[in-house]
Amino acid sequence: MSNSLKDNEFLIATPDIPEFLGRSMGYVRKMIKENGINPVGIEDRKKYYYKDELRYAAY
């Protein structure tokens, strides 16, 4: 399995980012692009749980 997250793969954000709960990476990237850097206060690298494994999504 690849370590990267694809736009069409589902992710579940950590509880401190409820806006991204159950959203796709494409949606997350779109929100960041449209609203500027870290629109909901996320860090450049943030932990996400993906398919029961801890992954990192880097922007």
PDB file of N, CA and C in Angstrom:
ATOM      1  N   MET A   1       0.839  -1.192   0.000  1.00  0.00           N
ATOM      2  CA  MET A   1       0.000   0.000   0.000  1.00  0.00           C
ATOM      3  C   MET A   1       0.877   1.247   0.000  1.00  0.00           C
ATOM      4  N   SER A   2       0.494   2.199  -0.777  1.00  0.00           N
ATOM      5  CA  SER A   2       1.256   3.437  -0.876  1.00  0.00           C
ATOM      6  C   SER A   2       1.109   4.249   0.404  1.00  0.00           C
ATOM      7  N   ASN A   3       2.133   5.018   0.707  1.00  0.00           N
ATOM      8  CA  ASN A   3       2.070   5.889   1.876  1.00  0.00           C
ATOM      9  C   ASN A   3       1.349   7.196   1.583  1.00  0.00           C
ATOM     10  N   SER A   4       1.077   7.465   0.317  1.00  0.00           N
ATOM     11  CA  SER A   4       0.418   8.715  -0.047  1.00  0.00           C
ATOM     12  C   SER A   4      -1.093   8.536  -0.061  1.00  0.00           C
ATOM     13  N   LEU A   5      -1.779   9.634   0.175  1.00  0.00           N
ATOM     14  CA  LEU A   5      -3.239   9.626   0.117  1.00  0.00           C
ATOM     15  C   LEU A   5      -3.669  10.214  -1.216  1.00  0.00           C
ATOM     16  N   LYS A   6      -4.536   9.522  -1.923  1.00  0.00           N
ATOM     17  CA  LYS A   6      -5.020  10.013  -3.207  1.00  0.00           C
ATOM     18  C   LYS A   6      -6.298  10.811  -2.989  1.00  0.00           C
ATOM     19  N   ASP A   7      -6.590  11.699  -3.940  1.00  0.00           N
ATOM     20  CA  ASP A   7      -7.751  12.576  -3.812  1.00  0.00           C
ATOM     21  C   ASP A   7      -9.050  11.809  -3.608  1.00  0.00           C
ATOM     22  N   ASN A   8      -9.190  10.658  -4.238  1.00  0.00           N
ATOM     23  CA  ASN A   8     -10.452   9.931  -4.154  1.00  0.00           C
ATOM     24  C   ASN A   8     -10.498   8.961  -2.986  1.00  0.00           C
ATOM     25  N   GLU A   9      -9.443   8.904  -2.187  1.00  0.00           N
ATOM     26  CA  GLU A   9      -9.443   8.032  -1.019  1.00  0.00           C
ATOM     27  C   GLU A   9     -10.057   8.770   0.166  1.00  0.00           C
ATOM     28  N   PHE A  10     -10.817   8.039   0.936  1.00  0.00           N
ATOM     29  CA  PHE A  10     -11.510   8.621   2.073  1.00  0.00           C
ATOM     30  C   PHE A  10     -10.575   8.772   3.257  1.00  0.00           C
ATOM     31  N   LEU A  11     -10.737   9.811   4.004  1.00  0.00           N
ATOM     32  CA  LEU A  11      -9.949   9.963   5.214  1.00  0.00           C
ATOM     33  C   LEU A  11     -10.863  10.399   6.345  1.00  0.00           C
ATOM     34  N   ILE A  12     -10.458  10.100   7.532  1.00  0.00           N
ATOM     35  CA  ILE A  12     -11.172  10.559   8.718  1.00  0.00           C
ATOM     36  C   ILE A  12     -10.205  11.442   9.489  1.00  0.00           C
ATOM     37  N   ALA A  13     -10.541  12.703   9.599  1.00  0.00           N
ATOM     38  CA  ALA A  13      -9.648  13.640  10.271  1.00  0.00           C
ATOM     39  C   ALA A  13      -9.680  13.421  11.777  1.00  0.00           C
ATOM     40  N   THR A  14      -8.650  13.889  12.424  1.00  0.00           N
ATOM     41  CA  THR A  14      -8.603  13.814  13.880  1.00  0.00           C
ATOM     42  C   THR A  14      -9.740  14.659  14.450  1.00  0.00           C
ATOM     43  N   PRO A  15     -10.219  14.359  15.659  1.00  0.00           N
ATOM     44  CA  PRO A  15     -11.393  15.041  16.223  1.00  0.00           C
ATOM     45  C   PRO A  15     -11.249  16.554  16.357  1.00  0.00           C
ATOM     46  N   ASP A  16     -10.008  17.068  16.378  1.00  0.00           N
ATOM     47  CA  ASP A  16      -9.840  18.514  16.513  1.00  0.00           C
ATOM     48  C   ASP A  16     -10.059  19.246  15.190  1.00  0.00           C
ATOM     49  N   ILE A  17     -10.357  18.514  14.112  1.00  0.00           N
ATOM     50  CA  ILE A  17     -10.674  19.144  12.830  1.00  0.00           C
ATOM     51  C   ILE A  17     -12.007  18.590  12.329  1.00  0.00           C
ATOM     52  N   PRO A  18     -13.108  18.923  12.986  1.00  0.00           N
ATOM     53  CA  PRO A  18     -14.395  18.345  12.606  1.00  0.00           C
ATOM     54  C   PRO A  18     -14.836  18.719  11.193  1.00  0.00           C
ATOM     55  N   GLU A  19     -14.347  19.864  10.676  1.00  0.00           N
ATOM     56  CA  GLU A  19     -14.723  20.285   9.328  1.00  0.00           C
ATOM     57  C   GLU A  19     -14.279  19.285   8.275  1.00  0.00           C
ATOM     58  N   PHE A  20     -13.211  18.519   8.575  1.00  0.00           N
ATOM     59  CA  PHE A  20     -12.659  17.598   7.593  1.00  0.00           C
ATOM     60  C   PHE A  20     -13.087  16.155   7.840  1.00  0.00           C
ATOM     61  N   LEU A  21     -13.924  15.923   8.834  1.00  0.00           N
ATOM     62  CA  LEU A  21     -14.332  14.563   9.168  1.00  0.00           C
ATOM     63  C   LEU A  21     -15.048  13.907   7.991  1.00  0.00           C
ATOM     64  N   GLY A  22     -14.476  12.807   7.503  1.00  0.00           N
ATOM     65  CA  GLY A  22     -15.087  12.076   6.409  1.00  0.00           C
ATOM     66  C   GLY A  22     -14.973  12.724   5.044  1.00  0.00           C
ATOM     67  N   ARG A  23     -14.182  13.772   4.935  1.00  0.00           N
ATOM     68  CA  ARG A  23     -14.022  14.455   3.651  1.00  0.00           C
ATOM     69  C   ARG A  23     -12.869  13.846   2.861  1.00  0.00           C
ATOM     70  N   SER A  24     -12.899  14.020   1.556  1.00  0.00           N
ATOM     71  CA  SER A  24     -11.822  13.507   0.712  1.00  0.00           C
ATOM     72  C   SER A  24     -10.629  14.460   0.747  1.00  0.00           C
ATOM     73  N   MET A  25      -9.456  13.949   0.353  1.00  0.00           N
ATOM     74  CA  MET A  25      -8.273  14.805   0.288  1.00  0.00           C
ATOM     75  C   MET A  25      -8.481  15.920  -0.727  1.00  0.00           C
ATOM     76  N   GLY A  26      -9.209  15.641  -1.803  1.00  0.00           N
ATOM     77  CA  GLY A  26      -9.494  16.676  -2.791  1.00  0.00           C
ATOM     78  C   GLY A  26     -10.251  17.839  -2.167  1.00  0.00           C
ATOM     79  N   TYR A  27     -11.231  17.535  -1.326  1.00  0.00           N
ATOM     80  CA  TYR A  27     -11.993  18.576  -0.639  1.00  0.00           C
ATOM     81  C   TYR A  27     -11.097  19.376   0.297  1.00  0.00           C
ATOM     82  N   VAL A  28     -10.261  18.673   1.053  1.00  0.00           N
ATOM     83  CA  VAL A  28      -9.366  19.340   2.001  1.00  0.00           C
ATOM     84  C   VAL A  28      -8.422  20.286   1.264  1.00  0.00           C
ATOM     85  N   ARG A  29      -7.816  19.801   0.180  1.00  0.00           N
ATOM     86  CA  ARG A  29      -6.902  20.647  -0.593  1.00  0.00           C
ATOM     87  C   ARG A  29      -7.632  21.840  -1.203  1.00  0.00           C
ATOM     88  N   LYS A  30      -8.866  21.618  -1.676  1.00  0.00           N
ATOM     89  CA  LYS A  30      -9.660  22.701  -2.261  1.00  0.00           C
ATOM     90  C   LYS A  30      -9.950  23.778  -1.217  1.00  0.00           C
ATOM     91  N   MET A  31     -10.332  23.360  -0.008  1.00  0.00           N
ATOM     92  CA  MET A  31     -10.613  24.324   1.054  1.00  0.00           C
ATOM     93  C   MET A  31      -9.370  25.135   1.407  1.00  0.00           C
ATOM     94  N   ILE A  32      -8.214  24.458   1.458  1.00  0.00           N
ATOM     95  CA  ILE A  32      -6.974  25.161   1.780  1.00  0.00           C
ATOM     96  C   ILE A  32      -6.630  26.151   0.667  1.00  0.00           C
ATOM     97  N   LYS A  33      -6.790  25.720  -0.587  1.00  0.00           N
ATOM     98  CA  LYS A  33      -6.470  26.586  -1.726  1.00  0.00           C
ATOM     99  C   LYS A  33      -7.399  27.794  -1.781  1.00  0.00           C
ATOM    100  N   GLU A  34      -8.699  27.576  -1.562  1.00  0.00           N
ATOM    101  CA  GLU A  34      -9.676  28.652  -1.670  1.00  0.00           C
ATOM    102  C   GLU A  34      -9.642  29.603  -0.481  1.00  0.00           C
ATOM    103  N   ASN A  35      -9.294  29.103   0.687  1.00  0.00           N
ATOM    104  CA  ASN A  35      -9.374  29.911   1.903  1.00  0.00           C
ATOM    105  C   ASN A  35      -8.030  30.324   2.462  1.00  0.00           C
ATOM    106  N   GLY A  36      -6.965  30.030   1.736  1.00  0.00           N
ATOM    107  CA  GLY A  36      -5.646  30.408   2.211  1.00  0.00           C
ATOM    108  C   GLY A  36      -4.999  29.288   2.997  1.00  0.00           C
ATOM    109  N   ILE A  37      -3.830  29.569   3.516  1.00  0.00           N
ATOM    110  CA  ILE A  37      -3.076  28.555   4.246  1.00  0.00           C
ATOM    111  C   ILE A  37      -3.723  28.303   5.602  1.00  0.00           C
ATOM    112  N   ASN A  38      -3.903  27.031   5.932  1.00  0.00           N
ATOM    113  CA  ASN A  38      -4.431  26.617   7.234  1.00  0.00           C
ATOM    114  C   ASN A  38      -5.736  27.328   7.608  1.00  0.00           C
ATOM    115  N   PRO A  39      -6.796  27.206   6.773  1.00  0.00           N
ATOM    116  CA  PRO A  39      -8.036  27.934   7.037  1.00  0.00           C
ATOM    117  C   PRO A  39      -8.732  27.547   8.325  1.00  0.00           C
ATOM    118  N   VAL A  40      -8.463  26.346   8.834  1.00  0.00           N
ATOM    119  CA  VAL A  40      -9.066  25.941  10.101  1.00  0.00           C
ATOM    120  C   VAL A  40      -7.999  25.703  11.156  1.00  0.00           C
ATOM    121  N   GLY A  41      -6.822  26.299  10.934  1.00  0.00           N
ATOM    122  CA  GLY A  41      -5.770  26.222  11.938  1.00  0.00           C
ATOM    123  C   GLY A  41      -4.970  24.941  11.930  1.00  0.00           C
ATOM    124  N   ILE A  42      -5.004  24.198  10.817  1.00  0.00           N
ATOM    125  CA  ILE A  42      -4.216  22.975  10.789  1.00  0.00           C
ATOM    126  C   ILE A  42      -2.752  23.297  10.532  1.00  0.00           C
ATOM    127  N   GLU A  43      -1.881  22.393  10.916  1.00  0.00           N
ATOM    128  CA  GLU A  43      -0.456  22.567  10.718  1.00  0.00           C
ATOM    129  C   GLU A  43      -0.083  22.124   9.312  1.00  0.00           C
ATOM    130  N   ASP A  44       1.154  22.420   8.908  1.00  0.00           N
ATOM    131  CA  ASP A  44       1.609  21.987   7.583  1.00  0.00           C
ATOM    132  C   ASP A  44       1.582  20.474   7.467  1.00  0.00           C
ATOM    133  N   ARG A  45       1.920  19.796   8.538  1.00  0.00           N
ATOM    134  CA  ARG A  45       1.803  18.334   8.571  1.00  0.00           C
ATOM    135  C   ARG A  45       0.888  17.985   9.734  1.00  0.00           C
ATOM    136  N   LYS A  46      -0.179  17.272   9.429  1.00  0.00           N
ATOM    137  CA  LYS A  46      -1.169  16.957  10.456  1.00  0.00           C
ATOM    138  C   LYS A  46      -1.459  15.468  10.422  1.00  0.00           C
ATOM    139  N   LYS A  47      -1.675  14.884  11.574  1.00  0.00           N
ATOM    140  CA  LYS A  47      -1.953  13.451  11.642  1.00  0.00           C
ATOM    141  C   LYS A  47      -3.399  13.164  11.220  1.00  0.00           C
ATOM    142  N   TYR A  48      -3.548  12.142  10.405  1.00  0.00           N
ATOM    143  CA  TYR A  48      -4.872  11.661  10.015  1.00  0.00           C
ATOM    144  C   TYR A  48      -4.922  10.157  10.199  1.00  0.00           C
ATOM    145  N   TYR A  49      -6.065   9.659  10.594  1.00  0.00           N
ATOM    146  CA  TYR A  49      -6.268   8.219  10.659  1.00  0.00           C
ATOM    147  C   TYR A  49      -6.862   7.771   9.332  1.00  0.00           C
ATOM    148  N   TYR A  50      -6.225   6.810   8.693  1.00  0.00           N
ATOM    149  CA  TYR A  50      -6.667   6.342   7.383  1.00  0.00           C
ATOM    150  C   TYR A  50      -6.600   4.826   7.361  1.00  0.00           C
ATOM    151  N   LYS A  51      -7.746   4.181   7.149  1.00  0.00           N
ATOM    152  CA  LYS A  51      -7.824   2.721   7.129  1.00  0.00           C
ATOM    153  C   LYS A  51      -7.123   2.105   8.338  1.00  0.00           C
ATOM    154  N   ASP A  52      -7.426   2.623   9.518  1.00  0.00           N
ATOM    155  CA  ASP A  52      -6.903   2.124  10.796  1.00  0.00           C
ATOM    156  C   ASP A  52      -5.392   2.258  10.933  1.00  0.00           C
ATOM    157  N   GLU A  53      -4.768   3.051  10.091  1.00  0.00           N
ATOM    158  CA  GLU A  53      -3.339   3.296  10.220  1.00  0.00           C
ATOM    159  C   GLU A  53      -3.113   4.788  10.381  1.00  0.00           C
ATOM    160  N   LEU A  54      -2.093   5.151  11.124  1.00  0.00           N
ATOM    161  CA  LEU A  54      -1.764   6.563  11.292  1.00  0.00           C
ATOM    162  C   LEU A  54      -0.962   7.025  10.089  1.00  0.00           C
ATOM    163  N   ARG A  55      -1.482   8.017   9.403  1.00  0.00           N
ATOM    164  CA  ARG A  55      -0.828   8.546   8.202  1.00  0.00           C
ATOM    165  C   ARG A  55      -0.592  10.038   8.386  1.00  0.00           C
ATOM    166  N   TYR A  56       0.248  10.573   7.559  1.00  0.00           N
ATOM    167  CA  TYR A  56       0.457  12.012   7.546  1.00  0.00           C
ATOM    168  C   TYR A  56       0.040  12.561   6.192  1.00  0.00           C
ATOM    169  N   ALA A  57      -0.688  13.641   6.205  1.00  0.00           N
ATOM    170  CA  ALA A  57      -1.053  14.320   4.971  1.00  0.00           C
ATOM    171  C   ALA A  57      -0.268  15.625   4.920  1.00  0.00           C
ATOM    172  N   ALA A  58       0.614  15.739   3.977  1.00  0.00           N
ATOM    173  CA  ALA A  58       1.446  16.936   3.849  1.00  0.00           C
ATOM    174  C   ALA A  58       0.902  17.817   2.728  1.00  0.00           C
ATOM    175  N   TYR A  59       0.911  19.104   2.946  1.00  0.00           N
ATOM    176  CA  TYR A  59       0.394  20.044   1.946  1.00  0.00           C
ATOM    177  C   TYR A  59       1.526  20.900   1.429  1.00  0.00           C
TER     178      TYR A  59
END
